[in-house]
């Protein structure tokens, strides 16, 4: 009888522990190393409603992550394995190459100069002061909660899930109690939506290291210099600027017309994610 009482008491005692263990396991079911894919709907001209869709991948490995376009991710992997990649996209507005080391509080925005093709980075130190709201929403298979934050001249609304207890998200966004499933600014110029999650195979993020550190003013000068004369580096090297003549040969381009067209494109696509660092081209 005493033994039976002991068994009954033991069951009552161990049941809550078992429940706690089961709940804990459900939270950590996702690996700490994963590739999170996001689709960005980007309004390149705020005066119009036209958007571009661009696919990005957030690779997370322990406390470090790299956010970049799918093409740039493939290129980085090829460089890491063979030494040769696919080249660089020099559009600083939507390339959005970003690395984070959460344990070291290191956050770097990378970009490639459209003139020299040199790599640069800016250390981002803006504090993300999240306001977590009570509002919830089911997105796909995830129960999400809403949070809001100010960053770089824009007000952002995010939906995160504690089902994946990793304080990560697209681009610079981080610091919530779970993975960001969706985030957008008030004007819907930038709308990031999670599309899939895969496990990372291997032990490397294949990010491209190096680059020169610069500040925002130097960043603006580099892009302003490109706007002023997109052909300056080619001219300085003594090379001729030519184009296909349609018959297998080459012909000189009209430099003035070429520069004018580049400037039109830059002016039309001047809607950066860091709105408070927008360049007023002159």
Protein backbone atom coordinates (compact mmCIF):
# COMPACT_ATOMS: atom_id res chain seq x y z
CA UNK A 1 0.00 0.00 0.00
CA UNK A 2 2.85 2.37 0.84
CA UNK A 3 4.53 1.48 -2.44
CA UNK A 4 1.29 2.24 -4.33
CA UNK A 5 0.99 5.59 -2.59
CA UNK A 6 4.59 6.33 -3.52
CA UNK A 7 3.89 5.52 -7.17
CA UNK A 8 0.81 7.75 -7.18
CA UNK A 9 2.70 10.62 -5.62
CA UNK A 10 5.57 10.14 -8.06
CA UNK A 11 3.20 10.37 -11.02
CA UNK A 12 1.72 13.54 -9.68
CA UNK A 13 5.19 14.94 -9.12
CA UNK A 14 6.70 13.97 -12.48
CA UNK A 15 3.76 14.98 -14.69
CA UNK A 16 4.44 18.74 -14.59
CA UNK A 17 8.12 18.09 -15.24
CA UNK A 18 7.21 15.99 -18.29
CA UNK A 19 4.93 18.73 -19.58
CA UNK A 20 7.67 21.33 -19.12
CA UNK A 21 10.18 19.17 -21.00
CA UNK A 22 7.73 18.64 -23.87
CA UNK A 23 6.98 22.39 -24.10
CA UNK A 24 10.66 23.23 -24.01
CA UNK A 25 11.40 20.81 -26.84
CA UNK A 26 8.72 22.36 -29.04
CA UNK A 27 10.44 25.73 -28.74
CA UNK A 28 13.91 24.50 -29.71
CA UNK A 29 12.78 22.17 -32.50
CA UNK A 30 14.38 24.38 -35.14
CA UNK A 31 18.16 24.12 -35.60
CA UNK A 32 20.33 27.09 -34.74
CA UNK A 33 21.83 26.90 -38.23
CA UNK A 34 19.36 27.57 -41.01
CA UNK A 35 18.77 29.32 -44.31
CA UNK A 36 15.71 31.57 -44.18
CA UNK A 37 14.40 32.77 -47.54
CA UNK A 38 12.56 36.09 -47.87
CA UNK A 39 10.84 37.73 -50.80
CA UNK A 40 11.11 41.50 -50.99
CA UNK A 41 8.51 43.61 -52.74
CA UNK A 42 10.38 46.85 -53.33
CA UNK A 43 8.84 50.12 -54.54
CA UNK A 44 11.80 51.60 -56.40
CA UNK A 45 9.99 54.83 -57.29
CA UNK A 46 7.92 56.19 -54.35
CA UNK A 47 5.95 58.37 -56.78
CA UNK A 48 4.52 55.24 -58.41
CA UNK A 49 3.08 51.92 -57.25
CA UNK A 50 5.29 49.72 -59.42
CA UNK A 51 7.34 47.18 -57.48
CA UNK A 52 10.20 44.77 -58.03
CA UNK A 53 10.37 41.31 -56.47
CA UNK A 54 13.78 40.21 -55.24
CA UNK A 55 14.65 36.99 -53.40
CA UNK A 56 17.03 37.06 -50.45
CA UNK A 57 18.45 34.47 -48.07
CA UNK A 58 19.30 34.96 -44.41
CA UNK A 59 21.91 32.35 -43.50
CA UNK A 60 22.16 31.83 -39.73
CA UNK A 61 25.05 29.92 -38.20
CA UNK A 62 25.17 30.03 -34.42
CA UNK A 63 25.37 33.75 -33.44
CA UNK A 64 26.39 34.94 -36.91
CA UNK A 65 24.23 35.64 -39.96
CA UNK A 66 24.54 36.94 -43.51
CA UNK A 67 21.68 38.47 -45.50
CA UNK A 68 22.06 38.75 -49.30
CA UNK A 69 20.35 38.12 -52.62
CA UNK A 70 20.08 34.54 -53.85
CA UNK A 71 22.48 35.31 -56.70
CA UNK A 72 25.04 36.87 -54.36
CA UNK A 73 24.75 33.85 -52.04
CA UNK A 74 25.47 31.51 -54.96
CA UNK A 75 28.40 33.69 -56.01
CA UNK A 76 29.88 33.75 -52.50
CA UNK A 77 29.63 29.97 -52.32
CA UNK A 78 31.40 29.57 -55.66
CA UNK A 79 34.15 31.97 -54.57
CA UNK A 80 34.61 30.02 -51.34
CA UNK A 81 34.86 26.69 -53.18
CA UNK A 82 36.56 27.60 -56.47
CA UNK A 83 37.86 31.15 -56.12
CA UNK A 84 35.56 32.38 -58.91
CA UNK A 85 32.11 33.94 -58.55
CA UNK A 86 29.36 35.55 -60.60
CA UNK A 87 30.43 39.15 -60.16
CA UNK A 88 28.86 41.89 -58.06
CA UNK A 89 25.64 43.82 -58.36
CA UNK A 90 26.62 47.43 -57.72
CA UNK A 91 23.09 48.73 -57.13
CA UNK A 92 23.45 49.91 -53.54
CA UNK A 93 19.70 50.50 -53.15
CA UNK A 94 18.53 46.89 -53.27
CA UNK A 95 21.67 44.77 -53.03
CA UNK A 96 21.22 44.91 -49.20
CA UNK A 97 24.21 42.75 -48.24
CA UNK A 98 24.32 42.64 -44.45
CA UNK A 99 26.19 40.63 -41.80
CA UNK A 100 25.37 40.39 -38.09
CA UNK A 101 27.23 38.92 -35.12
CA UNK A 102 24.68 39.21 -32.33
CA UNK A 103 27.00 38.04 -29.55
CA UNK A 104 29.57 40.72 -30.49
CA UNK A 105 26.96 43.37 -31.37
CA UNK A 106 28.60 43.76 -34.76
CA UNK A 107 26.36 44.88 -37.64
CA UNK A 108 27.81 45.64 -41.08
CA UNK A 109 26.21 46.89 -44.28
CA UNK A 110 28.35 45.95 -47.30
CA UNK A 111 28.31 47.37 -50.80
CA UNK A 112 30.47 47.47 -53.91
CA UNK A 113 31.44 50.77 -55.51
CA UNK A 114 29.89 51.07 -58.99
CA UNK A 115 32.99 52.98 -60.10
CA UNK A 116 36.01 51.09 -58.78
CA UNK A 117 34.32 47.76 -57.87
CA UNK A 118 36.02 48.03 -54.47
CA UNK A 119 34.19 46.64 -51.44
CA UNK A 120 33.20 48.84 -48.49
CA UNK A 121 31.23 48.43 -45.30
CA UNK A 122 29.46 50.69 -42.81
CA UNK A 123 29.13 49.74 -39.14
CA UNK A 124 25.48 50.23 -38.21
CA UNK A 125 25.01 51.20 -34.57
CA UNK A 126 21.36 52.31 -34.52
CA UNK A 127 19.50 50.89 -31.53
CA UNK A 128 16.29 49.08 -32.42
CA UNK A 129 13.78 50.07 -29.72
CA UNK A 130 11.04 47.54 -30.38
CA UNK A 131 7.52 48.03 -29.07
CA UNK A 132 5.86 44.62 -28.77
CA UNK A 133 2.09 44.78 -29.14
CA UNK A 134 -0.65 42.36 -28.08
CA UNK A 135 -1.96 41.92 -31.62
CA UNK A 136 -1.48 38.40 -33.02
CA UNK A 137 -1.89 36.85 -36.45
CA UNK A 138 -1.48 33.43 -38.05
CA UNK A 139 0.90 33.62 -41.02
CA UNK A 140 1.28 30.28 -42.74
CA UNK A 141 1.88 27.74 -39.98
CA UNK A 142 3.17 30.26 -37.48
CA UNK A 143 1.41 32.11 -34.71
CA UNK A 144 2.86 35.61 -34.87
CA UNK A 145 2.85 38.70 -32.70
CA UNK A 146 3.18 42.28 -33.87
CA UNK A 147 6.03 44.65 -33.05
CA UNK A 148 6.92 48.13 -34.25
CA UNK A 149 10.17 50.06 -34.49
CA UNK A 150 11.74 53.19 -35.97
CA UNK A 151 14.78 52.63 -38.15
CA UNK A 152 16.61 54.99 -40.52
CA UNK A 153 13.76 57.40 -41.17
CA UNK A 154 11.04 54.77 -41.56
CA UNK A 155 8.44 53.28 -39.23
CA UNK A 156 8.38 49.49 -39.46
CA UNK A 157 5.75 46.90 -38.48
CA UNK A 158 6.97 43.35 -37.95
CA UNK A 159 5.34 40.00 -37.27
CA UNK A 160 7.55 37.56 -35.36
CA UNK A 161 7.00 34.06 -34.02
CA UNK A 162 8.25 32.59 -30.76
CA UNK A 163 7.81 29.15 -32.35
CA UNK A 164 11.29 29.80 -33.76
CA UNK A 165 13.11 31.34 -30.83
CA UNK A 166 15.90 33.01 -32.80
CA UNK A 167 16.14 36.83 -32.48
CA UNK A 168 16.81 37.31 -36.20
CA UNK A 169 15.20 38.80 -39.28
CA UNK A 170 15.91 40.21 -42.74
CA UNK A 171 18.57 42.85 -43.25
CA UNK A 172 19.46 44.76 -40.03
CA UNK A 173 16.32 43.75 -38.13
CA UNK A 174 16.93 41.66 -35.04
CA UNK A 175 16.35 41.56 -31.28
CA UNK A 176 12.78 40.24 -31.01
CA UNK A 177 11.91 37.10 -28.98
CA UNK A 178 11.58 35.09 -32.19
CA UNK A 179 12.23 35.00 -35.92
CA UNK A 180 10.68 37.78 -38.01
CA UNK A 181 8.21 36.28 -40.48
CA UNK A 182 7.18 39.54 -42.13
CA UNK A 183 8.19 43.19 -41.86
CA UNK A 184 7.27 46.32 -43.83
CA UNK A 185 7.53 50.08 -43.56
CA UNK A 186 4.44 52.29 -43.30
CA UNK A 187 4.53 53.25 -46.98
CA UNK A 188 5.05 49.64 -48.09
CA UNK A 189 8.17 50.69 -49.99
CA UNK A 190 9.90 47.62 -48.54
CA UNK A 191 7.88 44.49 -47.71
CA UNK A 192 9.82 41.39 -46.62
CA UNK A 193 7.94 38.07 -46.37
CA UNK A 194 9.38 34.72 -45.30
CA UNK A 195 8.94 32.06 -47.99
CA UNK A 196 10.78 29.00 -46.67
CA UNK A 197 13.28 27.68 -44.14
CA UNK A 198 15.99 25.13 -44.91
CA UNK A 199 18.72 23.55 -42.85
CA UNK A 200 22.26 24.70 -43.65
CA UNK A 201 24.51 21.91 -44.87
CA UNK A 202 28.14 22.48 -43.99
CA UNK A 203 29.94 24.70 -41.53
CA UNK A 204 30.50 27.92 -43.51
CA UNK A 205 28.38 30.92 -44.45
CA UNK A 206 30.74 31.66 -47.37
CA UNK A 207 30.45 35.35 -46.71
CA UNK A 208 32.90 37.62 -48.48
CA UNK A 209 35.27 39.07 -45.89
CA UNK A 210 37.27 42.25 -46.18
CA UNK A 211 36.45 45.67 -47.46
CA UNK A 212 37.24 49.16 -46.27
CA UNK A 213 35.25 50.75 -43.48
CA UNK A 214 33.61 54.07 -44.35
CA UNK A 215 30.93 56.31 -42.85
CA UNK A 216 27.67 57.54 -44.36
CA UNK A 217 29.16 60.75 -45.70
CA UNK A 218 31.86 58.83 -47.57
CA UNK A 219 29.20 56.44 -48.85
CA UNK A 220 27.17 59.34 -50.25
CA UNK A 221 30.25 60.82 -51.91
CA UNK A 222 31.05 57.55 -53.67
CA UNK A 223 27.55 57.37 -55.13
CA UNK A 224 27.47 61.08 -55.98
CA UNK A 225 30.78 60.68 -57.84
CA UNK A 226 29.28 57.82 -59.84
CA UNK A 227 26.23 59.94 -60.65
CA UNK A 228 28.43 62.80 -61.84
CA UNK A 229 30.41 60.60 -64.23
CA UNK A 230 29.72 56.84 -64.41
CA UNK A 231 32.57 56.47 -66.91
CA UNK A 232 35.31 58.21 -64.90
CA UNK A 233 37.15 55.03 -63.85
CA UNK A 234 37.13 53.70 -67.43
CA UNK A 235 38.45 57.01 -68.76
CA UNK A 236 41.16 57.12 -66.09
CA UNK A 237 42.38 53.67 -67.14
CA UNK A 238 42.78 54.81 -70.75
CA UNK A 239 40.26 52.30 -72.08
CA UNK A 240 37.70 53.17 -74.74
CA UNK A 241 33.97 52.88 -74.08
CA UNK A 242 32.36 50.91 -76.91
CA UNK A 243 29.16 49.04 -77.67
CA UNK A 244 28.04 46.28 -80.04
CA UNK A 245 27.36 47.64 -83.53
CA UNK A 246 24.97 44.80 -84.37
CA UNK A 247 27.26 43.13 -86.94
CA UNK A 248 29.76 41.50 -84.59
CA UNK A 249 31.94 44.56 -84.25
CA UNK A 250 32.15 47.52 -81.90
CA UNK A 251 31.52 51.22 -82.12
CA UNK A 252 32.16 54.12 -79.72
CA UNK A 253 29.24 55.15 -77.55
CA UNK A 254 27.88 58.61 -77.16
CA UNK A 255 29.32 59.29 -73.68
CA UNK A 256 27.06 62.25 -73.00
CA UNK A 257 23.90 60.30 -73.85
CA UNK A 258 25.12 57.26 -71.91
CA UNK A 259 25.75 59.32 -68.75
CA UNK A 260 22.39 61.04 -69.12
CA UNK A 261 20.59 57.67 -69.26
CA UNK A 262 22.45 56.36 -66.19
CA UNK A 263 21.51 59.49 -64.26
CA UNK A 264 17.84 59.05 -65.19
CA UNK A 265 17.90 55.50 -63.82
CA UNK A 266 19.59 56.58 -60.58
CA UNK A 267 17.09 59.40 -60.02
CA UNK A 268 14.12 57.10 -60.63
CA UNK A 269 15.46 54.36 -58.36
CA UNK A 270 16.44 56.63 -55.49
CA UNK A 271 14.39 55.08 -52.68
CA UNK A 272 16.90 53.55 -50.23
CA UNK A 273 15.94 51.48 -47.22
CA UNK A 274 17.84 53.97 -45.01
CA UNK A 275 15.64 56.91 -45.94
CA UNK A 276 17.46 59.31 -43.66
CA UNK A 277 20.62 58.70 -45.72
CA UNK A 278 18.97 59.29 -49.09
CA UNK A 279 21.26 61.03 -51.57
CA UNK A 280 19.93 64.22 -53.10
CA UNK A 281 21.81 63.94 -56.37
CA UNK A 282 23.08 67.25 -57.71
